[in-house]
């Protein structure tokens, strides 16, 4: 939503429209968390969509996401029955989430491959 509002400034020219757009896009628990703070009669109502995003992130975003991503990355292991391409996709996704440096990908990937694949690959 943030990117859409940013990319389409001509369609969403002011904060009132930004707030309305976000309000119309969220549902469920997220909508419940925003409802009270959208009402203009509320003392500390949202004046910007950015405040809405910050509020939702403070509730729903995992404060330990980086540690959890690194843990999942280090638990990764290719099994004999795994497709290399599926494993590589999972590896790249978790490496990105765990903020592993791209310069480390080659060595890390080699480490998580099956023994048979490691034997046929030469690392330089």
N, C-alpha and C. Protein backbone atom coordinates (compact mmCIF):
# COMPACT_ATOMS: atom_id res chain seq x y z
N UNK A 1 0.82 -1.19 0.00
CA UNK A 1 0.00 0.00 0.00
C UNK A 1 0.87 1.26 0.00
N UNK A 2 1.94 1.21 0.79
CA UNK A 2 2.82 2.38 0.85
C UNK A 2 3.38 2.70 -0.53
N UNK A 3 3.82 1.66 -1.22
CA UNK A 3 4.38 1.88 -2.55
C UNK A 3 3.33 2.37 -3.54
N UNK A 4 2.13 1.85 -3.44
CA UNK A 4 1.06 2.29 -4.35
C UNK A 4 0.75 3.77 -4.13
N UNK A 5 0.67 4.18 -2.89
CA UNK A 5 0.42 5.60 -2.60
C UNK A 5 1.55 6.48 -3.12
N UNK A 6 2.77 5.99 -2.97
CA UNK A 6 3.93 6.75 -3.43
C UNK A 6 4.00 6.82 -4.95
N UNK A 7 3.75 5.69 -5.60
CA UNK A 7 3.86 5.63 -7.06
C UNK A 7 2.71 6.32 -7.77
N UNK A 8 1.58 6.43 -7.11
CA UNK A 8 0.40 7.02 -7.75
C UNK A 8 -0.03 8.32 -7.06
N UNK A 9 0.94 9.19 -6.85
CA UNK A 9 0.65 10.46 -6.17
C UNK A 9 -0.43 11.26 -6.89
N UNK A 10 -0.49 11.13 -8.21
CA UNK A 10 -1.49 11.87 -8.97
C UNK A 10 -2.91 11.38 -8.69
N UNK A 11 -3.07 10.11 -8.31
CA UNK A 11 -4.39 9.57 -7.98
C UNK A 11 -4.74 9.74 -6.51
N UNK A 12 -3.71 9.89 -5.69
CA UNK A 12 -3.89 10.04 -4.25
C UNK A 12 -3.16 11.31 -3.81
N UNK A 13 -3.73 12.48 -4.10
CA UNK A 13 -2.99 13.74 -3.93
C UNK A 13 -2.85 14.28 -2.51
N UNK A 14 -3.64 13.78 -1.53
CA UNK A 14 -3.53 14.36 -0.19
C UNK A 14 -3.69 13.28 0.88
N UNK A 15 -3.37 13.66 2.11
CA UNK A 15 -3.38 12.71 3.23
C UNK A 15 -4.77 12.15 3.53
N UNK A 16 -5.81 12.94 3.35
CA UNK A 16 -7.16 12.44 3.62
C UNK A 16 -7.48 11.27 2.70
N UNK A 17 -7.06 11.36 1.46
CA UNK A 17 -7.29 10.27 0.50
C UNK A 17 -6.39 9.08 0.83
N UNK A 18 -5.16 9.35 1.27
CA UNK A 18 -4.25 8.27 1.69
C UNK A 18 -4.89 7.47 2.83
N UNK A 19 -5.38 8.19 3.82
CA UNK A 19 -5.99 7.54 4.99
C UNK A 19 -7.21 6.73 4.57
N UNK A 20 -8.04 7.29 3.71
CA UNK A 20 -9.24 6.58 3.24
C UNK A 20 -8.84 5.32 2.46
N UNK A 21 -7.81 5.42 1.64
CA UNK A 21 -7.35 4.27 0.87
C UNK A 21 -6.89 3.15 1.80
N UNK A 22 -6.06 3.49 2.78
CA UNK A 22 -5.57 2.47 3.72
C UNK A 22 -6.74 1.86 4.49
N UNK A 23 -7.64 2.70 4.93
CA UNK A 23 -8.80 2.23 5.68
C UNK A 23 -9.62 1.24 4.85
N UNK A 24 -9.77 1.50 3.56
CA UNK A 24 -10.55 0.61 2.69
C UNK A 24 -9.81 -0.68 2.36
N UNK A 25 -8.49 -0.68 2.46
CA UNK A 25 -7.71 -1.88 2.11
C UNK A 25 -7.56 -2.86 3.27
N UNK A 26 -7.57 -2.38 4.49
CA UNK A 26 -7.36 -3.29 5.62
C UNK A 26 -8.68 -3.89 6.07
N UNK A 27 -8.57 -5.08 6.63
CA UNK A 27 -9.76 -5.75 7.16
C UNK A 27 -9.38 -6.58 8.36
N UNK A 28 -10.34 -7.15 8.99
CA UNK A 28 -10.08 -8.02 10.13
C UNK A 28 -9.50 -7.28 11.32
N UNK A 29 -8.53 -7.92 11.97
CA UNK A 29 -7.93 -7.37 13.18
C UNK A 29 -7.23 -6.04 12.90
N UNK A 30 -6.58 -5.93 11.74
CA UNK A 30 -5.90 -4.68 11.40
C UNK A 30 -6.90 -3.53 11.33
N UNK A 31 -8.05 -3.77 10.73
CA UNK A 31 -9.08 -2.73 10.65
C UNK A 31 -9.58 -2.37 12.05
N UNK A 32 -9.72 -3.37 12.89
CA UNK A 32 -10.16 -3.11 14.27
C UNK A 32 -9.18 -2.19 15.00
N UNK A 33 -7.88 -2.42 14.77
CA UNK A 33 -6.86 -1.60 15.44
C UNK A 33 -6.87 -0.16 14.93
N UNK A 34 -7.29 0.05 13.71
CA UNK A 34 -7.27 1.41 13.14
C UNK A 34 -8.55 2.20 13.40
N UNK A 35 -9.66 1.50 13.57
CA UNK A 35 -10.98 2.15 13.64
C UNK A 35 -11.04 3.31 14.62
N UNK A 36 -10.62 3.09 15.83
CA UNK A 36 -10.70 4.14 16.85
C UNK A 36 -9.87 5.37 16.49
N UNK A 37 -8.71 5.15 15.88
CA UNK A 37 -7.77 6.24 15.63
C UNK A 37 -8.04 6.97 14.31
N UNK A 38 -9.00 6.50 13.54
CA UNK A 38 -9.33 7.17 12.29
C UNK A 38 -10.37 8.26 12.52
N UNK A 39 -11.22 8.06 13.48
CA UNK A 39 -12.29 9.02 13.78
C UNK A 39 -11.70 10.39 14.13
N UNK A 40 -12.11 11.41 13.43
CA UNK A 40 -11.56 12.76 13.64
C UNK A 40 -11.88 13.32 15.03
N UNK A 41 -12.92 12.80 15.66
CA UNK A 41 -13.26 13.28 17.00
C UNK A 41 -12.30 12.75 18.06
N UNK A 42 -11.57 11.70 17.73
CA UNK A 42 -10.59 11.14 18.66
C UNK A 42 -9.45 12.14 18.83
N UNK A 43 -9.01 12.35 20.05
CA UNK A 43 -7.98 13.35 20.33
C UNK A 43 -6.72 13.11 19.52
N UNK A 44 -6.23 11.90 19.50
CA UNK A 44 -4.98 11.59 18.79
C UNK A 44 -5.24 10.82 17.50
N UNK A 45 -6.19 11.28 16.70
CA UNK A 45 -6.50 10.55 15.46
C UNK A 45 -5.33 10.62 14.47
N UNK A 46 -5.33 9.67 13.55
CA UNK A 46 -4.27 9.64 12.55
C UNK A 46 -4.39 10.84 11.62
N UNK A 47 -3.26 11.53 11.45
CA UNK A 47 -3.24 12.67 10.53
C UNK A 47 -2.56 12.31 9.21
N UNK A 48 -1.85 11.17 9.20
CA UNK A 48 -1.19 10.71 7.98
C UNK A 48 -1.31 9.18 7.86
N UNK A 49 -1.21 8.72 6.63
CA UNK A 49 -1.22 7.28 6.39
C UNK A 49 0.05 6.65 6.96
N UNK A 50 1.16 7.39 6.96
CA UNK A 50 2.40 6.87 7.54
C UNK A 50 2.22 6.51 9.01
N UNK A 51 1.46 7.33 9.74
CA UNK A 51 1.19 7.03 11.15
C UNK A 51 0.39 5.74 11.27
N UNK A 52 -0.51 5.51 10.32
CA UNK A 52 -1.30 4.28 10.32
C UNK A 52 -0.38 3.07 10.11
N UNK A 53 0.52 3.19 9.13
CA UNK A 53 1.45 2.09 8.86
C UNK A 53 2.34 1.82 10.06
N UNK A 54 2.84 2.87 10.69
CA UNK A 54 3.69 2.70 11.88
C UNK A 54 2.92 2.00 13.01
N UNK A 55 1.68 2.39 13.19
CA UNK A 55 0.84 1.79 14.22
C UNK A 55 0.66 0.30 13.95
N UNK A 56 0.34 -0.06 12.72
CA UNK A 56 0.14 -1.46 12.37
C UNK A 56 1.43 -2.26 12.49
N UNK A 57 2.54 -1.66 12.09
CA UNK A 57 3.82 -2.35 12.21
C UNK A 57 4.17 -2.61 13.68
N UNK A 58 3.84 -1.64 14.54
CA UNK A 58 4.15 -1.82 15.96
C UNK A 58 3.36 -2.98 16.57
N UNK A 59 2.22 -3.31 15.97
CA UNK A 59 1.39 -4.39 16.48
C UNK A 59 1.72 -5.72 15.82
N UNK A 60 1.86 -5.71 14.49
CA UNK A 60 1.94 -6.96 13.76
C UNK A 60 3.35 -7.39 13.35
N UNK A 61 4.29 -6.47 13.28
CA UNK A 61 5.63 -6.84 12.84
C UNK A 61 6.39 -7.53 13.97
N UNK A 62 7.02 -8.62 13.64
CA UNK A 62 7.79 -9.39 14.61
C UNK A 62 9.07 -8.62 14.94
N UNK A 63 9.27 -8.21 16.18
CA UNK A 63 10.48 -7.46 16.53
C UNK A 63 11.75 -8.30 16.41
N UNK A 64 11.58 -9.61 16.39
CA UNK A 64 12.73 -10.51 16.28
C UNK A 64 12.84 -11.14 14.89
N UNK A 65 12.28 -10.48 13.88
CA UNK A 65 12.23 -11.08 12.55
C UNK A 65 13.61 -11.41 12.01
N UNK A 66 14.61 -10.57 12.26
CA UNK A 66 15.94 -10.83 11.73
C UNK A 66 16.56 -12.06 12.41
N UNK A 67 16.46 -12.12 13.72
CA UNK A 67 16.98 -13.29 14.45
C UNK A 67 16.26 -14.57 14.01
N UNK A 68 14.95 -14.48 13.83
CA UNK A 68 14.18 -15.65 13.39
C UNK A 68 14.58 -16.07 11.98
N UNK A 69 14.81 -15.10 11.11
CA UNK A 69 15.22 -15.41 9.74
C UNK A 69 16.60 -16.06 9.72
N UNK A 70 17.50 -15.55 10.54
CA UNK A 70 18.84 -16.15 10.62
C UNK A 70 18.77 -17.57 11.18
N UNK A 71 17.92 -17.78 12.16
CA UNK A 71 17.75 -19.11 12.74
C UNK A 71 17.23 -20.08 11.67
N UNK A 72 16.20 -19.66 10.92
CA UNK A 72 15.65 -20.51 9.86
C UNK A 72 16.69 -20.79 8.79
N UNK A 73 17.49 -19.77 8.46
CA UNK A 73 18.53 -19.95 7.45
C UNK A 73 19.54 -21.00 7.91
N UNK A 74 19.93 -20.94 9.16
CA UNK A 74 20.93 -21.88 9.68
C UNK A 74 20.36 -23.28 9.93
N UNK A 75 19.04 -23.41 9.91
CA UNK A 75 18.40 -24.72 10.02
C UNK A 75 18.23 -25.38 8.65
N UNK A 76 18.47 -24.61 7.61
CA UNK A 76 18.28 -25.08 6.25
C UNK A 76 19.24 -26.23 5.93
N UNK A 77 18.71 -27.24 5.28
CA UNK A 77 19.55 -28.36 4.86
C UNK A 77 18.85 -29.03 3.68
N UNK A 78 19.62 -29.30 2.65
CA UNK A 78 19.06 -29.96 1.49
C UNK A 78 19.01 -31.46 1.75
N UNK A 79 17.85 -32.06 1.52
CA UNK A 79 17.69 -33.50 1.65
C UNK A 79 17.92 -34.17 0.30
N UNK A 80 18.20 -35.43 0.33
CA UNK A 80 18.47 -36.18 -0.90
C UNK A 80 17.27 -36.12 -1.85
N UNK A 81 16.08 -36.07 -1.30
CA UNK A 81 14.87 -36.08 -2.13
C UNK A 81 14.48 -34.70 -2.65
N UNK A 82 15.14 -33.65 -2.17
CA UNK A 82 14.80 -32.28 -2.58
C UNK A 82 15.26 -31.98 -4.00
N UNK A 83 14.45 -31.26 -4.71
CA UNK A 83 14.84 -30.74 -6.02
C UNK A 83 15.84 -29.61 -5.79
N UNK A 84 16.91 -29.59 -6.58
CA UNK A 84 17.92 -28.55 -6.42
C UNK A 84 17.30 -27.17 -6.62
N UNK A 85 16.45 -27.02 -7.62
CA UNK A 85 15.87 -25.71 -7.92
C UNK A 85 14.94 -25.24 -6.79
N UNK A 86 14.17 -26.15 -6.23
CA UNK A 86 13.31 -25.78 -5.10
C UNK A 86 14.16 -25.40 -3.88
N UNK A 87 15.22 -26.17 -3.66
CA UNK A 87 16.11 -25.86 -2.54
C UNK A 87 16.78 -24.50 -2.75
N UNK A 88 17.25 -24.25 -3.97
CA UNK A 88 17.91 -22.98 -4.27
C UNK A 88 16.96 -21.80 -4.06
N UNK A 89 15.73 -21.96 -4.47
CA UNK A 89 14.73 -20.90 -4.27
C UNK A 89 14.55 -20.62 -2.78
N UNK A 90 14.42 -21.67 -1.99
CA UNK A 90 14.26 -21.52 -0.53
C UNK A 90 15.52 -20.89 0.08
N UNK A 91 16.69 -21.34 -0.38
CA UNK A 91 17.96 -20.80 0.10
C UNK A 91 18.03 -19.30 -0.17
N UNK A 92 17.74 -18.89 -1.39
CA UNK A 92 17.83 -17.47 -1.75
C UNK A 92 16.83 -16.63 -0.96
N UNK A 93 15.65 -17.16 -0.77
CA UNK A 93 14.63 -16.44 0.01
C UNK A 93 15.09 -16.24 1.45
N UNK A 94 15.53 -17.31 2.09
CA UNK A 94 15.97 -17.21 3.48
C UNK A 94 17.25 -16.38 3.63
N UNK A 95 18.15 -16.49 2.67
CA UNK A 95 19.38 -15.69 2.71
C UNK A 95 19.05 -14.21 2.63
N UNK A 96 18.10 -13.85 1.79
CA UNK A 96 17.67 -12.46 1.68
C UNK A 96 17.03 -11.97 2.97
N UNK A 97 16.13 -12.77 3.53
CA UNK A 97 15.48 -12.39 4.79
C UNK A 97 16.48 -12.26 5.92
N UNK A 98 17.47 -13.16 5.96
CA UNK A 98 18.46 -13.16 7.03
C UNK A 98 19.57 -12.13 6.78
N UNK A 99 19.47 -11.43 5.67
CA UNK A 99 20.43 -10.39 5.30
C UNK A 99 21.85 -10.93 5.21
N UNK A 100 21.97 -12.11 4.62
CA UNK A 100 23.28 -12.71 4.37
C UNK A 100 23.89 -11.97 3.19
N UNK A 101 25.15 -11.61 3.29
CA UNK A 101 25.83 -10.89 2.21
C UNK A 101 25.90 -11.77 0.97
N UNK A 102 25.65 -11.18 -0.19
CA UNK A 102 25.70 -11.96 -1.43
C UNK A 102 27.09 -12.55 -1.67
N UNK A 103 28.10 -11.92 -1.14
CA UNK A 103 29.46 -12.47 -1.30
C UNK A 103 29.63 -13.79 -0.54
N UNK A 104 28.74 -14.07 0.40
CA UNK A 104 28.80 -15.31 1.19
C UNK A 104 27.91 -16.41 0.63
N UNK A 105 27.09 -16.09 -0.37
CA UNK A 105 26.13 -17.07 -0.89
C UNK A 105 26.79 -18.36 -1.35
N UNK A 106 27.87 -18.24 -2.11
CA UNK A 106 28.50 -19.42 -2.70
C UNK A 106 28.95 -20.41 -1.61
N UNK A 107 29.64 -19.89 -0.63
CA UNK A 107 30.15 -20.73 0.45
C UNK A 107 29.00 -21.30 1.29
N UNK A 108 28.03 -20.46 1.60
CA UNK A 108 26.88 -20.92 2.40
C UNK A 108 26.08 -21.98 1.65
N UNK A 109 25.85 -21.74 0.37
CA UNK A 109 25.07 -22.70 -0.42
C UNK A 109 25.78 -24.05 -0.44
N UNK A 110 27.08 -24.04 -0.66
CA UNK A 110 27.86 -25.28 -0.68
C UNK A 110 27.69 -26.04 0.64
N UNK A 111 27.70 -25.29 1.72
CA UNK A 111 27.60 -25.89 3.06
C UNK A 111 26.29 -26.64 3.26
N UNK A 112 25.20 -26.13 2.66
CA UNK A 112 23.88 -26.72 2.90
C UNK A 112 23.49 -27.79 1.88
N UNK A 113 24.31 -28.02 0.84
CA UNK A 113 24.01 -29.03 -0.16
C UNK A 113 24.20 -30.43 0.39
N UNK A 114 23.63 -31.40 -0.31
CA UNK A 114 23.82 -32.80 0.09
C UNK A 114 25.28 -33.18 -0.14
N UNK A 115 25.70 -34.23 0.52
CA UNK A 115 27.09 -34.71 0.42
C UNK A 115 27.44 -35.05 -1.03
N UNK A 116 26.52 -35.68 -1.75
CA UNK A 116 26.77 -36.06 -3.14
C UNK A 116 27.00 -34.84 -4.02
N UNK A 117 26.19 -33.81 -3.84
CA UNK A 117 26.38 -32.59 -4.63
C UNK A 117 27.70 -31.90 -4.25
N UNK A 118 28.03 -31.91 -2.99
CA UNK A 118 29.29 -31.31 -2.56
C UNK A 118 30.48 -32.02 -3.20
N UNK A 119 30.39 -33.31 -3.37
CA UNK A 119 31.49 -34.08 -3.95
C UNK A 119 31.72 -33.76 -5.41
N UNK A 120 30.66 -33.38 -6.14
CA UNK A 120 30.84 -33.11 -7.57
C UNK A 120 31.08 -31.63 -7.88
N UNK A 121 31.00 -30.80 -6.85
CA UNK A 121 31.20 -29.35 -7.04
C UNK A 121 32.57 -28.97 -6.49
N UNK A 122 33.26 -28.16 -7.26
CA UNK A 122 34.54 -27.63 -6.81
C UNK A 122 34.34 -26.16 -6.48
N UNK A 123 34.70 -25.75 -5.27
CA UNK A 123 34.56 -24.34 -4.86
C UNK A 123 35.88 -23.62 -5.09
N UNK A 124 35.78 -22.47 -5.72
CA UNK A 124 36.97 -21.63 -5.93
C UNK A 124 36.86 -20.40 -5.10
